[in-house]
Amino acid sequence: MTLHTGWLAPTGQTRQGTRHIAVGATTPATPLTARSGILPGTNDGKYRVGGLWMSGNGPMTATVYAGRAVVQGPAVQGAYPVALDQDTVITFADGDPLNARIDLVVLRVYDDQYDSSKRSEAAIEIVKGTPSAVPAPPAAPALSLPLFSVKVVAGASAGTNGILWSGTGIVTDLRVTTASVGGILPVYNNAAVPGSYPGQYQDNDNAHFLQRWDGTGWVAYPKEVGGIAANGTLPTGSYVGQFRETNGVLQRWNGTVWATYHPPVEVETASGSLNTYGGWTATWSARRTRGIATVRMSVTRTGADITAGANGYITDQQMCALPPGWPPGIAFEAMASDTMATGCATITATGVVTLRSWTPTAIIRNGGVVNVTATYVL
């Protein structure tokens, strides 16, 4: 195997190697560091990540396949781009006679300038775990990227059945992704990793939607995004979760075809007590989505009875106020009712709810409940 490194090693860095490691992938973690991870993509575009995949090929051996990655060191050291240009066979030690253990397969970077290892290179290594009745994976070495954990059962060896490669819970994929700054990160074992800046995007294949980092959490992004791949420039996707624009429609590559992307519909609800004016108490419940809100206010009369005139006239009654963010864009006339009589209530753009008319000669008694219901554009 040849593991090309791109950090100006004292010896061995060739022009070919430098071309291999031109990964262009630095998803920010902090102003001076990047996320460690594997570059996404497969030959047929059906899967998110193909680089540095591993599969068993013998009782105690496995193949780690070619791929490219970035391994971030401490801030002072910077990020290390690495490219494995050919499939590589690794060999696991025989199992303990009594207990199973869990080994860790890692991509490890050595830099003599910082670790005094007398090595300036990268390596695919197996970190041997400790045999135990309840085995746990060992800690990853400094400056390494975990790729897989492998359970080595008690007594496993080349002379027995070896590692049970097809067994449940034997091999765990630990790889994570990285992408170029500003690019949409295809999530792979790293959905919960915080973003680095508001406006960063990731494609969450588990949740099946695009997400935007808002400074505190990943939020489903409900708007179409053009320009991911320009119209007519990408006939076939290169990895699941890639996006393109086609005649004004955003499409997502699902591994086989380009499918029209349907963003999730976010619905926000609210309920509780409202601020009221003298003579009233109020509770409310509400839902809104895509700029449309439906609200229902139950307003209880606590003051003197109100009797409507023969023409339905009453003195305007300021009853309650909606909280910020919920009033209509302009003043709105809403229906009011106590199931026996009806009237009209105005909801202003500042959220003040005022009862303005009532069924002629009808009475709103102390303790009576007036329900005000409305659907409007925010």
Protein backbone atom coordinates (compact mmCIF):
# COMPACT_ATOMS: atom_id res chain seq x y z
CA MET A 1 0.00 0.00 0.00
CA THR A 2 0.97 3.63 -0.40
CA LEU A 3 -0.37 6.13 2.09
CA HIS A 4 0.33 9.54 0.60
CA THR A 5 0.72 12.39 3.07
CA GLY A 6 0.56 16.09 2.39
CA TRP A 7 2.26 17.97 5.17
CA LEU A 8 5.78 18.37 3.74
CA ALA A 9 7.31 15.28 5.28
CA PRO A 10 11.13 15.41 5.59
CA THR A 11 11.42 12.69 2.93
CA GLY A 12 9.17 10.72 0.63
CA GLN A 13 6.67 13.36 -0.53
CA THR A 14 6.44 13.10 -4.32
CA ARG A 15 4.62 15.08 -6.96
CA GLN A 16 2.27 12.11 -7.43
CA GLY A 17 1.59 11.97 -3.69
CA THR A 18 0.95 15.69 -3.54
CA ARG A 19 -1.66 15.36 -6.31
CA HIS A 20 -3.34 12.48 -4.49
CA ILE A 21 -3.78 14.44 -1.27
CA ALA A 22 -5.26 17.58 -2.85
CA VAL A 23 -8.45 16.81 -0.95
CA GLY A 24 -9.86 20.34 -0.65
CA ALA A 25 -11.82 19.26 2.42
CA THR A 26 -11.79 21.40 5.54
CA THR A 27 -15.18 21.49 7.25
CA PRO A 28 -14.45 24.01 10.04
CA ALA A 29 -14.51 22.98 13.68
CA THR A 30 -12.99 26.21 15.07
CA PRO A 31 -11.27 29.16 13.37
CA LEU A 32 -8.02 27.18 13.33
CA THR A 33 -9.16 23.55 13.12
CA ALA A 34 -11.17 21.31 10.81
CA ARG A 35 -13.29 18.21 11.32
CA SER A 36 -11.43 14.95 10.92
CA GLY A 37 -13.24 12.67 8.51
CA ILE A 38 -13.50 10.69 5.29
CA LEU A 39 -14.27 12.37 1.97
CA PRO A 40 -17.69 11.13 0.73
CA GLY A 41 -18.49 9.40 -2.56
CA THR A 42 -18.44 5.99 -4.24
CA ASN A 43 -17.75 4.86 -7.79
CA ASP A 44 -21.45 4.35 -8.59
CA GLY A 45 -22.87 7.16 -6.42
CA LYS A 46 -25.14 4.76 -4.51
CA TYR A 47 -23.63 5.24 -1.06
CA ARG A 48 -22.48 8.15 1.04
CA VAL A 49 -19.00 6.95 1.93
CA GLY A 50 -16.86 4.36 0.15
CA GLY A 51 -13.37 5.51 1.12
CA LEU A 52 -11.49 3.49 3.75
CA TRP A 53 -14.26 0.88 3.88
CA MET A 54 -13.24 -2.45 5.45
CA SER A 55 -14.41 -6.03 4.85
CA GLY A 56 -13.13 -9.39 6.12
CA ASN A 57 -11.26 -11.52 3.59
CA GLY A 58 -9.93 -14.32 5.80
CA PRO A 59 -10.24 -15.82 9.29
CA MET A 60 -8.05 -13.11 10.84
CA THR A 61 -7.54 -10.65 7.98
CA ALA A 62 -9.50 -7.79 6.45
CA THR A 63 -9.10 -5.38 3.56
CA VAL A 64 -9.18 -1.61 4.02
CA TYR A 65 -10.10 -0.02 0.70
CA ALA A 66 -8.63 3.07 -0.91
CA GLY A 67 -9.87 6.49 0.10
CA ARG A 68 -9.00 9.99 1.25
CA ALA A 69 -9.33 11.64 4.63
CA VAL A 70 -8.32 14.58 6.80
CA VAL A 71 -6.96 14.04 10.33
CA GLN A 72 -7.00 17.16 12.52
CA GLY A 73 -4.27 17.55 15.08
CA PRO A 74 -4.10 20.11 17.88
CA ALA A 75 -4.61 23.64 16.58
CA VAL A 76 -0.89 24.36 16.58
CA GLN A 77 -0.25 21.36 14.30
CA GLY A 78 -3.01 21.88 11.75
CA ALA A 79 -4.88 19.33 9.62
CA TYR A 80 -3.20 16.36 7.93
CA PRO A 81 -4.57 15.31 4.49
CA VAL A 82 -4.07 11.61 3.76
CA ALA A 83 -4.80 9.41 0.72
CA LEU A 84 -4.66 5.60 0.62
CA ASP A 85 -4.25 4.84 -3.07
CA GLN A 86 -4.68 1.04 -3.02
CA ASP A 87 -6.58 -1.59 -1.05
CA THR A 88 -4.62 -2.82 1.96
CA VAL A 89 -4.81 -6.09 3.95
CA ILE A 90 -4.49 -5.93 7.73
CA THR A 91 -4.08 -8.86 10.14
CA PHE A 92 -5.66 -9.21 13.59
CA ALA A 93 -3.97 -11.00 16.51
CA ASP A 94 -5.46 -14.31 17.68
CA GLY A 95 -8.25 -14.18 20.20
CA ASP A 96 -7.76 -14.61 23.94
CA PRO A 97 -8.41 -18.20 25.11
CA LEU A 98 -11.10 -17.15 27.62
CA ASN A 99 -12.62 -13.77 26.73
CA ALA A 100 -13.52 -11.72 23.71
CA ARG A 101 -11.94 -8.35 23.01
CA ILE A 102 -12.69 -5.39 20.77
CA ASP A 103 -9.96 -4.06 18.48
CA LEU A 104 -9.95 -0.63 16.89
CA VAL A 105 -8.87 -0.02 13.28
CA VAL A 106 -7.55 3.52 12.88
CA LEU A 107 -5.91 5.82 10.38
CA ARG A 108 -3.00 7.20 12.39
CA VAL A 109 -0.66 10.09 11.69
CA TYR A 110 2.92 10.26 12.95
CA ASP A 111 4.73 13.61 12.97
CA ASP A 112 8.18 13.48 14.51
CA GLN A 113 8.27 17.27 14.90
CA TYR A 114 5.58 16.94 17.59
CA ASP A 115 5.53 13.33 18.84
CA SER A 116 9.27 12.44 18.67
CA SER A 117 8.26 9.15 17.03
CA LYS A 118 11.07 9.37 14.45
CA ARG A 119 8.29 8.90 11.89
CA SER A 120 6.61 11.39 9.56
CA GLU A 121 3.93 9.35 7.85
CA ALA A 122 0.42 7.92 8.12
CA ALA A 123 -0.50 4.29 8.78
CA ILE A 124 -3.50 1.98 8.95
CA GLU A 125 -3.19 0.33 12.36
CA ILE A 126 -5.03 -2.09 14.64
CA VAL A 127 -5.23 -0.99 18.28
CA LYS A 128 -5.64 -4.20 20.27
CA GLY A 129 -8.33 -4.19 22.94
CA THR A 130 -8.30 -5.80 26.38
CA PRO A 131 -10.00 -9.24 26.70
CA SER A 132 -12.95 -9.10 29.07
CA ALA A 133 -16.27 -10.77 29.84
CA VAL A 134 -17.78 -7.44 28.75
CA PRO A 135 -15.24 -6.10 26.25
CA ALA A 136 -14.99 -2.43 25.36
CA PRO A 137 -13.07 -0.78 22.51
CA PRO A 138 -9.72 0.78 23.42
CA ALA A 139 -9.13 4.51 23.26
CA ALA A 140 -7.98 5.81 19.90
CA PRO A 141 -4.36 7.01 19.84
CA ALA A 142 -3.62 10.71 19.61
CA LEU A 143 -3.79 12.10 16.07
CA SER A 144 -5.81 9.22 14.66
CA LEU A 145 -9.17 8.71 12.97
CA PRO A 146 -11.16 5.62 14.10
CA LEU A 147 -12.45 3.62 11.13
CA PHE A 148 -13.98 0.42 12.55
CA SER A 149 -14.22 -1.60 15.75
CA VAL A 150 -13.99 -5.39 15.44
CA LYS A 151 -15.01 -7.95 18.05
CA VAL A 152 -12.49 -10.81 18.25
CA VAL A 153 -14.21 -13.73 19.96
CA ALA A 154 -12.43 -15.97 22.45
CA GLY A 155 -10.22 -18.56 20.74
CA ALA A 156 -10.40 -16.94 17.30
CA SER A 157 -7.45 -17.81 15.08
CA ALA A 158 -6.55 -18.67 11.51
CA GLY A 159 -6.82 -22.34 12.47
CA THR A 160 -10.41 -21.97 13.71
CA ASN A 161 -13.36 -20.09 12.27
CA GLY A 162 -11.53 -16.86 13.09
CA ILE A 163 -13.42 -13.56 13.31
CA LEU A 164 -17.15 -13.96 12.63
CA TRP A 165 -17.20 -11.28 9.93
CA SER A 166 -20.88 -11.77 9.05
CA GLY A 167 -22.07 -11.97 12.66
CA THR A 168 -24.27 -9.37 14.32
CA GLY A 169 -22.37 -6.82 16.40
CA ILE A 170 -18.95 -7.93 15.19
CA VAL A 171 -17.93 -4.98 13.00
CA THR A 172 -19.00 -1.40 13.73
CA ASP A 173 -18.46 1.36 11.19
CA LEU A 174 -17.02 4.39 13.02
CA ARG A 175 -16.11 6.53 10.01
CA VAL A 176 -17.33 10.12 9.86
CA THR A 177 -17.47 12.53 6.94
CA THR A 178 -15.91 15.85 6.14
CA ALA A 179 -16.36 18.22 3.20
CA SER A 180 -15.03 21.47 1.84
CA VAL A 181 -15.88 24.67 3.68
CA GLY A 182 -19.27 25.95 2.53
CA GLY A 183 -20.24 22.54 1.15
CA ILE A 184 -23.23 20.49 2.33
CA LEU A 185 -21.89 17.78 4.63
CA PRO A 186 -23.38 14.30 4.03
CA VAL A 187 -24.10 13.02 7.55
CA TYR A 188 -22.49 9.69 8.41
CA ASN A 189 -22.15 8.75 12.09
CA ASN A 190 -21.95 12.47 12.92
CA ALA A 191 -25.51 13.82 12.88
CA ALA A 192 -25.19 15.25 16.40
CA VAL A 193 -21.85 17.03 15.91
CA PRO A 194 -22.49 20.78 16.43
CA GLY A 195 -22.09 23.16 13.53
CA SER A 196 -19.28 25.70 13.31
CA TYR A 197 -21.17 28.76 12.10
CA PRO A 198 -24.79 29.86 11.52
CA GLY A 199 -25.68 29.09 7.91
CA GLN A 200 -23.74 25.83 7.70
CA TYR A 201 -25.67 22.97 6.06
CA GLN A 202 -25.75 19.19 6.35
CA ASP A 203 -27.82 16.53 4.61
CA ASN A 204 -29.23 14.22 7.29
CA ASP A 205 -29.95 10.95 5.48
CA ASN A 206 -31.43 9.38 8.62
CA ALA A 207 -34.02 12.14 8.94
CA HIS A 208 -34.21 12.64 5.16
CA PHE A 209 -33.91 16.41 5.05
CA LEU A 210 -31.50 19.28 4.68
CA GLN A 211 -30.52 20.94 7.95
CA ARG A 212 -29.13 24.39 8.74
CA TRP A 213 -27.08 25.28 11.84
CA ASP A 214 -28.76 28.27 13.51
CA GLY A 215 -26.08 28.87 16.12
CA THR A 216 -27.53 26.52 18.74
CA GLY A 217 -28.87 23.47 16.87
CA TRP A 218 -29.51 21.81 13.50
CA VAL A 219 -32.85 23.02 12.11
CA ALA A 220 -34.72 21.54 9.14
CA TYR A 221 -34.31 23.97 6.28
CA PRO A 222 -37.72 24.49 4.64
CA LYS A 223 -36.74 26.48 1.57
CA GLU A 224 -35.53 25.27 -1.81
CA VAL A 225 -31.85 25.91 -2.45
CA GLY A 226 -30.63 26.42 -6.00
CA GLY A 227 -27.14 26.24 -7.40
CA ILE A 228 -25.91 23.14 -5.59
CA ALA A 229 -25.20 21.70 -9.02
CA ALA A 230 -26.13 23.93 -11.96
CA ASN A 231 -28.91 22.95 -14.34
CA GLY A 232 -27.79 20.26 -16.79
CA THR A 233 -24.29 19.79 -15.34
CA LEU A 234 -24.73 16.59 -13.28
CA PRO A 235 -26.52 13.70 -15.04
CA THR A 236 -25.61 11.21 -12.28
CA GLY A 237 -25.02 11.87 -8.59
CA SER A 238 -21.73 10.92 -6.97
CA TYR A 239 -23.09 10.14 -3.48
CA VAL A 240 -26.44 9.78 -1.72
CA GLY A 241 -27.64 13.15 -0.44
CA GLN A 242 -26.12 15.25 -3.22
CA PHE A 243 -28.33 18.07 -4.58
CA ARG A 244 -28.84 19.61 -8.02
CA GLU A 245 -31.13 22.20 -9.60
CA THR A 246 -33.20 21.09 -12.60
CA ASN A 247 -35.40 23.62 -14.38
CA GLY A 248 -36.14 25.45 -11.12
CA VAL A 249 -36.68 22.27 -9.05
CA LEU A 250 -34.29 21.07 -6.33
CA GLN A 251 -33.48 17.38 -6.62
CA ARG A 252 -31.67 14.95 -4.32
CA TRP A 253 -29.67 11.91 -5.47
CA ASN A 254 -31.05 8.81 -3.66
CA GLY A 255 -28.41 6.40 -4.98
CA THR A 256 -30.33 5.45 -8.10
CA VAL A 257 -32.19 8.48 -9.48
CA TRP A 258 -32.62 12.19 -8.92
CA ALA A 259 -35.77 12.64 -6.82
CA THR A 260 -37.60 15.93 -6.35
CA TYR A 261 -36.76 17.24 -2.88
CA HIS A 262 -39.75 17.88 -0.63
CA PRO A 263 -38.72 19.87 2.46
CA PRO A 264 -40.48 19.00 5.70
CA VAL A 265 -43.42 21.11 6.87
CA GLU A 266 -42.64 22.64 10.24
CA VAL A 267 -45.60 23.35 12.51
CA GLU A 268 -45.27 25.50 15.65
CA THR A 269 -47.84 25.41 18.45
CA ALA A 270 -48.46 27.63 21.47
CA SER A 271 -50.91 27.74 24.38
CA GLY A 272 -51.36 29.13 27.87
CA SER A 273 -52.53 32.37 29.47
CA LEU A 274 -52.67 35.75 27.76
CA ASN A 275 -52.11 39.25 29.07
CA THR A 276 -55.56 40.80 29.58
CA TYR A 277 -57.22 44.15 30.22
CA GLY A 278 -59.45 44.99 33.19
CA GLY A 279 -62.57 42.82 33.49
CA TRP A 280 -61.23 39.82 31.56
CA THR A 281 -59.01 36.73 31.87
CA ALA A 282 -57.91 34.67 28.86
CA THR A 283 -56.25 31.48 27.69
CA TRP A 284 -55.34 30.53 24.14
CA SER A 285 -54.08 27.80 21.81
CA ALA A 286 -52.56 28.30 18.37
CA ARG A 287 -50.77 26.63 15.45
CA ARG A 288 -48.83 28.16 12.59
CA THR A 289 -46.88 26.98 9.55
CA ARG A 290 -45.47 28.69 6.46
CA GLY A 291 -46.71 32.11 7.56
CA ILE A 292 -50.32 31.09 8.30
CA ALA A 293 -51.64 31.04 11.88
CA THR A 294 -54.85 29.74 13.45
CA VAL A 295 -55.62 31.00 16.97
CA ARG A 296 -58.43 30.36 19.46
CA MET A 297 -58.80 32.60 22.52
CA SER A 298 -61.15 31.77 25.39
CA VAL A 299 -61.83 35.05 27.20
CA THR A 300 -63.74 35.00 30.51
CA ARG A 301 -65.68 38.06 31.71
CA THR A 302 -64.69 38.99 35.27
CA GLY A 303 -66.25 42.45 35.36
CA ALA A 304 -69.81 43.73 35.18
CA ASP A 305 -72.31 42.23 32.75
CA ILE A 306 -72.28 43.68 29.22
CA THR A 307 -75.65 44.12 27.46
CA ALA A 308 -75.72 44.80 23.73
CA GLY A 309 -78.04 47.46 22.37
CA ALA A 310 -80.95 46.81 20.02
CA ASN A 311 -78.59 47.30 17.06
CA GLY A 312 -75.80 45.12 18.53
CA TYR A 313 -73.78 48.10 19.67
CA ILE A 314 -71.50 47.74 22.70
CA THR A 315 -68.72 49.92 24.03
CA ASP A 316 -65.45 48.56 22.57
CA GLN A 317 -64.02 46.04 25.01
CA GLN A 318 -60.24 45.54 24.96
CA MET A 319 -59.98 41.96 26.20
CA CYS A 320 -56.47 40.56 25.75
CA ALA A 321 -53.27 40.72 23.67
CA LEU A 322 -51.43 38.09 21.62
CA PRO A 323 -47.72 37.63 22.33
CA PRO A 324 -45.06 38.95 19.91
CA GLY A 325 -44.76 36.97 16.69
CA TRP A 326 -48.41 35.91 16.64
CA PRO A 327 -50.44 39.03 15.63
CA PRO A 328 -51.68 39.29 12.00
CA GLY A 329 -49.77 41.34 9.46
CA ILE A 330 -52.63 43.88 9.33
CA ALA A 331 -55.73 44.50 11.48
CA PHE A 332 -58.08 41.52 11.19
CA GLU A 333 -61.78 41.05 11.96
CA ALA A 334 -62.38 37.77 13.82
CA MET A 335 -65.49 35.87 14.86
CA ALA A 336 -66.50 35.89 18.53
CA SER A 337 -69.09 33.58 20.13
CA ASP A 338 -70.28 32.17 23.45
CA THR A 339 -72.38 29.47 21.65
CA MET A 340 -75.57 31.47 22.39
CA ALA A 341 -74.66 34.78 20.79
CA THR A 342 -72.06 36.05 18.34
CA GLY A 343 -70.09 39.18 17.62
CA CYS A 344 -67.06 40.68 15.96
CA ALA A 345 -63.59 41.20 17.45
CA THR A 346 -60.73 43.18 15.94
CA ILE A 347 -57.18 41.83 16.23
CA THR A 348 -54.69 44.63 15.52
CA ALA A 349 -51.22 44.25 14.04
CA THR A 350 -49.86 44.78 17.57
CA GLY A 351 -51.97 41.87 18.88
CA VAL A 352 -54.68 43.75 20.85
CA VAL A 353 -58.01 41.87 20.74
CA THR A 354 -61.08 44.14 21.05
CA LEU A 355 -64.72 42.97 21.12
CA ARG A 356 -66.73 45.53 19.08
CA SER A 357 -70.23 44.12 18.56
CA TRP A 358 -72.58 41.48 19.96
CA THR A 359 -75.96 39.92 19.17
CA PRO A 360 -78.63 42.62 19.75
CA THR A 361 -79.89 42.69 23.38
CA ALA A 362 -77.74 39.64 24.27
CA ILE A 363 -75.82 39.75 27.57
CA ILE A 364 -72.24 38.74 28.33
CA ARG A 365 -72.53 37.93 31.99
CA ASN A 366 -69.86 37.87 34.67
CA GLY A 367 -68.23 34.42 34.37
CA GLY A 368 -69.32 34.03 30.75
CA VAL A 369 -66.76 32.83 28.19
CA VAL A 370 -66.34 34.47 24.78
CA ASN A 371 -64.36 32.44 22.22
CA VAL A 372 -62.51 34.37 19.51
CA THR A 373 -61.24 32.30 16.56
CA ALA A 374 -59.23 33.45 13.54
CA THR A 375 -56.97 32.22 10.73
CA TYR A 376 -54.75 34.83 9.07
CA VAL A 377 -51.41 35.61 7.46
CA LEU A 378 -48.75 36.60 9.94
